Amino acid sequence: DAQESRGLGDVYKRQVEAISHKQASKAVNVYLDMVKDTGLASLEREQALYQVGLIYMNKTNVHKDNYSALYYFKQLLSRFPDSPYCIDAKGHVARLEASLD
């Protein structure tokens, strides 16, 4: 499938460019569209949701929002509890909750 062969590599590149140009919301929208796309492999959808959390945590993102990061990491944990990304997401949740108290 051409869309799958494009993979997340191209999306990551666009994410970095978007954040560096203060347009992180564009990257978030691309990832959220991927999460909704049931035609993608589950692992790709899980990774996309994880990336949304990372974008909101990113210190270089002018729209940094730890509450949103926490929300998306928790979405990952509840929607994809067996995902390999859950280990790191749990760590991020713990750190974010501690910093928001």
N, C-alpha and C. Protein backbone atom coordinates (compact mmCIF):
# COMPACT_ATOMS: atom_id res chain seq x y z
N ASP A 1 0.85 -1.18 0.00
CA ASP A 1 0.00 0.00 0.00
C ASP A 1 0.90 1.24 0.00
N ALA A 2 0.64 2.16 -0.91
CA ALA A 2 1.49 3.34 -1.07
C ALA A 2 1.47 4.22 0.18
N GLN A 3 0.29 4.33 0.82
CA GLN A 3 0.19 5.16 2.01
C GLN A 3 1.04 4.58 3.14
N GLU A 4 1.00 3.24 3.30
CA GLU A 4 1.79 2.61 4.35
C GLU A 4 3.28 2.73 4.05
N SER A 5 3.68 2.58 2.77
CA SER A 5 5.09 2.64 2.44
C SER A 5 5.65 4.03 2.71
N ARG A 6 4.79 5.02 2.65
CA ARG A 6 5.20 6.38 2.99
C ARG A 6 5.60 6.40 4.45
N GLY A 7 4.87 5.64 5.26
CA GLY A 7 5.20 5.43 6.66
C GLY A 7 5.22 6.69 7.48
N LEU A 8 5.65 6.51 8.70
CA LEU A 8 5.70 7.62 9.64
C LEU A 8 6.94 8.48 9.45
N GLY A 9 7.93 7.99 8.72
CA GLY A 9 9.15 8.76 8.51
C GLY A 9 8.88 10.12 7.90
N ASP A 10 8.05 10.14 6.87
CA ASP A 10 7.69 11.40 6.22
C ASP A 10 6.89 12.27 7.18
N VAL A 11 6.01 11.64 7.95
CA VAL A 11 5.20 12.39 8.91
C VAL A 11 6.09 13.01 9.98
N TYR A 12 7.09 12.26 10.47
CA TYR A 12 8.02 12.80 11.47
C TYR A 12 8.75 14.02 10.93
N LYS A 13 9.19 13.91 9.69
CA LYS A 13 9.91 15.03 9.08
C LYS A 13 9.02 16.26 9.04
N ARG A 14 7.77 16.06 8.65
CA ARG A 14 6.83 17.19 8.60
C ARG A 14 6.53 17.71 10.00
N GLN A 15 6.51 16.82 11.00
CA GLN A 15 6.28 17.23 12.38
C GLN A 15 7.38 18.17 12.85
N VAL A 16 8.63 17.77 12.62
CA VAL A 16 9.77 18.60 13.03
C VAL A 16 9.72 19.95 12.34
N GLU A 17 9.41 19.95 11.05
CA GLU A 17 9.32 21.21 10.31
C GLU A 17 8.19 22.07 10.86
N ALA A 18 7.05 21.45 11.15
CA ALA A 18 5.90 22.20 11.65
C ALA A 18 6.21 22.84 13.00
N ILE A 19 6.83 22.08 13.90
CA ILE A 19 7.16 22.63 15.22
C ILE A 19 8.17 23.75 15.08
N SER A 20 9.16 23.56 14.21
CA SER A 20 10.19 24.59 14.05
C SER A 20 9.63 25.86 13.41
N HIS A 21 8.51 25.73 12.70
CA HIS A 21 7.87 26.89 12.09
C HIS A 21 6.65 27.34 12.90
N LYS A 22 6.59 26.91 14.16
CA LYS A 22 5.51 27.29 15.07
C LYS A 22 4.14 26.90 14.54
N GLN A 23 4.07 25.74 13.90
CA GLN A 23 2.81 25.24 13.35
C GLN A 23 2.54 23.82 13.83
N ALA A 24 2.77 23.59 15.11
CA ALA A 24 2.61 22.25 15.67
C ALA A 24 1.19 21.72 15.50
N SER A 25 0.21 22.61 15.45
CA SER A 25 -1.18 22.16 15.31
C SER A 25 -1.38 21.39 14.00
N LYS A 26 -0.61 21.74 12.97
CA LYS A 26 -0.70 20.99 11.71
C LYS A 26 -0.24 19.55 11.90
N ALA A 27 0.87 19.38 12.62
CA ALA A 27 1.37 18.03 12.88
C ALA A 27 0.38 17.26 13.74
N VAL A 28 -0.17 17.91 14.76
CA VAL A 28 -1.16 17.26 15.62
C VAL A 28 -2.34 16.78 14.77
N ASN A 29 -2.83 17.62 13.87
CA ASN A 29 -3.97 17.24 13.03
C ASN A 29 -3.66 16.04 12.14
N VAL A 30 -2.45 15.99 11.60
CA VAL A 30 -2.04 14.84 10.77
C VAL A 30 -2.06 13.57 11.61
N TYR A 31 -1.48 13.64 12.80
CA TYR A 31 -1.45 12.46 13.66
C TYR A 31 -2.85 12.05 14.10
N LEU A 32 -3.69 13.01 14.45
CA LEU A 32 -5.05 12.65 14.88
C LEU A 32 -5.84 12.03 13.75
N ASP A 33 -5.60 12.49 12.52
CA ASP A 33 -6.24 11.84 11.36
C ASP A 33 -5.76 10.39 11.24
N MET A 34 -4.48 10.16 11.51
CA MET A 34 -3.94 8.80 11.45
C MET A 34 -4.58 7.92 12.53
N VAL A 35 -4.79 8.47 13.71
CA VAL A 35 -5.40 7.70 14.80
C VAL A 35 -6.80 7.25 14.40
N LYS A 36 -7.53 8.11 13.70
CA LYS A 36 -8.91 7.79 13.27
C LYS A 36 -8.95 6.82 12.09
N ASP A 37 -7.85 6.69 11.37
CA ASP A 37 -7.81 5.87 10.14
C ASP A 37 -7.69 4.39 10.49
N THR A 38 -8.83 3.71 10.54
CA THR A 38 -8.83 2.28 10.91
C THR A 38 -8.20 1.41 9.82
N GLY A 39 -7.88 1.99 8.68
CA GLY A 39 -7.18 1.26 7.63
C GLY A 39 -5.69 1.11 7.92
N LEU A 40 -5.19 1.91 8.84
CA LEU A 40 -3.77 1.81 9.23
C LEU A 40 -3.59 0.70 10.25
N ALA A 41 -2.40 0.18 10.30
CA ALA A 41 -2.07 -0.84 11.31
C ALA A 41 -2.23 -0.22 12.69
N SER A 42 -2.64 -1.04 13.64
CA SER A 42 -2.85 -0.57 15.01
C SER A 42 -1.59 0.10 15.56
N LEU A 43 -0.44 -0.49 15.30
CA LEU A 43 0.81 0.06 15.81
C LEU A 43 1.05 1.48 15.31
N GLU A 44 0.71 1.74 14.05
CA GLU A 44 0.88 3.09 13.50
C GLU A 44 -0.07 4.07 14.18
N ARG A 45 -1.29 3.63 14.45
CA ARG A 45 -2.27 4.48 15.12
C ARG A 45 -1.82 4.77 16.56
N GLU A 46 -1.28 3.75 17.22
CA GLU A 46 -0.77 3.92 18.59
C GLU A 46 0.38 4.91 18.60
N GLN A 47 1.29 4.76 17.66
CA GLN A 47 2.44 5.63 17.59
C GLN A 47 2.01 7.07 17.29
N ALA A 48 1.03 7.23 16.45
CA ALA A 48 0.53 8.57 16.12
C ALA A 48 -0.04 9.24 17.37
N LEU A 49 -0.80 8.51 18.16
CA LEU A 49 -1.37 9.06 19.39
C LEU A 49 -0.26 9.42 20.38
N TYR A 50 0.73 8.58 20.47
CA TYR A 50 1.89 8.85 21.34
C TYR A 50 2.60 10.13 20.89
N GLN A 51 2.77 10.29 19.59
CA GLN A 51 3.44 11.48 19.05
C GLN A 51 2.68 12.76 19.39
N VAL A 52 1.35 12.69 19.40
CA VAL A 52 0.56 13.88 19.76
C VAL A 52 0.92 14.31 21.18
N GLY A 53 1.00 13.34 22.10
CA GLY A 53 1.41 13.66 23.46
C GLY A 53 2.79 14.29 23.50
N LEU A 54 3.71 13.74 22.74
CA LEU A 54 5.07 14.28 22.71
C LEU A 54 5.11 15.70 22.16
N ILE A 55 4.31 15.96 21.14
CA ILE A 55 4.28 17.31 20.57
C ILE A 55 3.83 18.31 21.63
N TYR A 56 2.77 17.96 22.36
CA TYR A 56 2.28 18.89 23.38
C TYR A 56 3.27 19.07 24.53
N MET A 57 4.15 18.09 24.75
CA MET A 57 5.18 18.20 25.79
C MET A 57 6.42 18.95 25.31
N ASN A 58 6.59 19.06 24.02
CA ASN A 58 7.81 19.59 23.42
C ASN A 58 8.07 21.03 23.86
N LYS A 59 9.24 21.24 24.45
CA LYS A 59 9.60 22.56 24.97
C LYS A 59 9.73 23.60 23.86
N THR A 60 10.02 23.17 22.64
CA THR A 60 10.17 24.13 21.55
C THR A 60 8.84 24.47 20.89
N ASN A 61 7.77 23.81 21.30
CA ASN A 61 6.44 24.07 20.77
C ASN A 61 5.87 25.29 21.49
N VAL A 62 5.60 26.35 20.74
CA VAL A 62 5.06 27.56 21.37
C VAL A 62 3.67 27.32 21.95
N HIS A 63 3.03 26.24 21.53
CA HIS A 63 1.71 25.89 22.05
C HIS A 63 1.82 24.72 23.04
N LYS A 64 2.96 24.61 23.68
CA LYS A 64 3.17 23.54 24.66
C LYS A 64 2.02 23.55 25.66
N ASP A 65 1.49 22.35 25.93
CA ASP A 65 0.33 22.25 26.81
C ASP A 65 0.39 20.90 27.53
N ASN A 66 0.86 20.92 28.77
CA ASN A 66 1.01 19.67 29.51
C ASN A 66 -0.33 18.99 29.79
N TYR A 67 -1.40 19.76 29.91
CA TYR A 67 -2.71 19.14 30.12
C TYR A 67 -3.14 18.34 28.88
N SER A 68 -2.88 18.90 27.71
CA SER A 68 -3.21 18.17 26.48
C SER A 68 -2.32 16.95 26.32
N ALA A 69 -1.04 17.10 26.64
CA ALA A 69 -0.12 15.96 26.57
C ALA A 69 -0.63 14.85 27.47
N LEU A 70 -1.01 15.19 28.68
CA LEU A 70 -1.53 14.21 29.64
C LEU A 70 -2.77 13.53 29.09
N TYR A 71 -3.68 14.31 28.51
CA TYR A 71 -4.90 13.77 27.93
C TYR A 71 -4.59 12.72 26.85
N TYR A 72 -3.69 13.05 25.93
CA TYR A 72 -3.41 12.13 24.83
C TYR A 72 -2.65 10.89 25.28
N PHE A 73 -1.75 11.04 26.24
CA PHE A 73 -1.09 9.85 26.77
C PHE A 73 -2.10 8.94 27.47
N LYS A 74 -3.04 9.53 28.18
CA LYS A 74 -4.08 8.72 28.84
C LYS A 74 -5.00 8.07 27.82
N GLN A 75 -5.26 8.75 26.71
CA GLN A 75 -6.03 8.15 25.62
C GLN A 75 -5.33 6.91 25.09
N LEU A 76 -4.03 7.02 24.91
CA LEU A 76 -3.24 5.88 24.44
C LEU A 76 -3.37 4.71 25.42
N LEU A 77 -3.22 5.00 26.71
CA LEU A 77 -3.29 3.95 27.72
C LEU A 77 -4.66 3.28 27.76
N SER A 78 -5.72 4.04 27.56
CA SER A 78 -7.05 3.45 27.64
C SER A 78 -7.47 2.78 26.33
N ARG A 79 -7.10 3.35 25.20
CA ARG A 79 -7.53 2.80 23.91
C ARG A 79 -6.66 1.65 23.42
N PHE A 80 -5.38 1.70 23.77
CA PHE A 80 -4.43 0.69 23.31
C PHE A 80 -3.59 0.19 24.49
N PRO A 81 -4.22 -0.45 25.48
CA PRO A 81 -3.50 -0.83 26.71
C PRO A 81 -2.34 -1.79 26.52
N ASP A 82 -2.31 -2.52 25.41
CA ASP A 82 -1.24 -3.47 25.16
C ASP A 82 -0.15 -2.91 24.24
N SER A 83 -0.24 -1.63 23.93
CA SER A 83 0.72 -1.00 23.03
C SER A 83 2.11 -0.95 23.65
N PRO A 84 3.14 -1.16 22.83
CA PRO A 84 4.50 -1.00 23.35
C PRO A 84 4.80 0.44 23.76
N TYR A 85 3.99 1.39 23.30
CA TYR A 85 4.19 2.80 23.66
C TYR A 85 3.66 3.11 25.05
N CYS A 86 2.89 2.19 25.63
CA CYS A 86 2.31 2.44 26.95
C CYS A 86 3.35 2.54 28.05
N ILE A 87 4.44 1.83 27.91
CA ILE A 87 5.48 1.89 28.94
C ILE A 87 5.99 3.33 29.07
N ASP A 88 6.37 3.93 27.96
CA ASP A 88 6.86 5.31 27.99
C ASP A 88 5.73 6.28 28.34
N ALA A 89 4.52 6.01 27.83
CA ALA A 89 3.39 6.89 28.11
C ALA A 89 3.11 6.94 29.61
N LYS A 90 3.20 5.80 30.29
CA LYS A 90 2.98 5.77 31.74
C LYS A 90 4.00 6.64 32.46
N GLY A 91 5.23 6.60 32.02
CA GLY A 91 6.26 7.44 32.61
C GLY A 91 5.97 8.92 32.40
N HIS A 92 5.53 9.27 31.19
CA HIS A 92 5.18 10.67 30.90
C HIS A 92 4.00 11.11 31.76
N VAL A 93 3.00 10.23 31.90
CA VAL A 93 1.82 10.56 32.71
C VAL A 93 2.25 10.85 34.15
N ALA A 94 3.09 10.00 34.69
CA ALA A 94 3.54 10.19 36.08
C ALA A 94 4.27 11.52 36.25
N ARG A 95 5.18 11.83 35.31
CA ARG A 95 5.92 13.09 35.39
C ARG A 95 5.01 14.30 35.21
N LEU A 96 4.09 14.20 34.25
CA LEU A 96 3.18 15.32 34.01
C LEU A 96 2.25 15.55 35.20
N GLU A 97 1.71 14.47 35.75
CA GLU A 97 0.82 14.63 36.90
C GLU A 97 1.56 15.24 38.08
N ALA A 98 2.81 14.85 38.27
CA ALA A 98 3.61 15.40 39.36
C ALA A 98 3.89 16.89 39.13
N SER A 99 4.13 17.26 37.88
CA SER A 99 4.45 18.66 37.59
C SER A 99 3.21 19.56 37.60
N LEU A 100 2.04 18.97 37.43
CA LEU A 100 0.82 19.76 37.39
C LEU A 100 0.17 19.90 38.77
N ASP A 101 0.70 19.18 39.74
CA ASP A 101 0.14 19.28 41.10
C ASP A 101 0.54 20.57 41.77
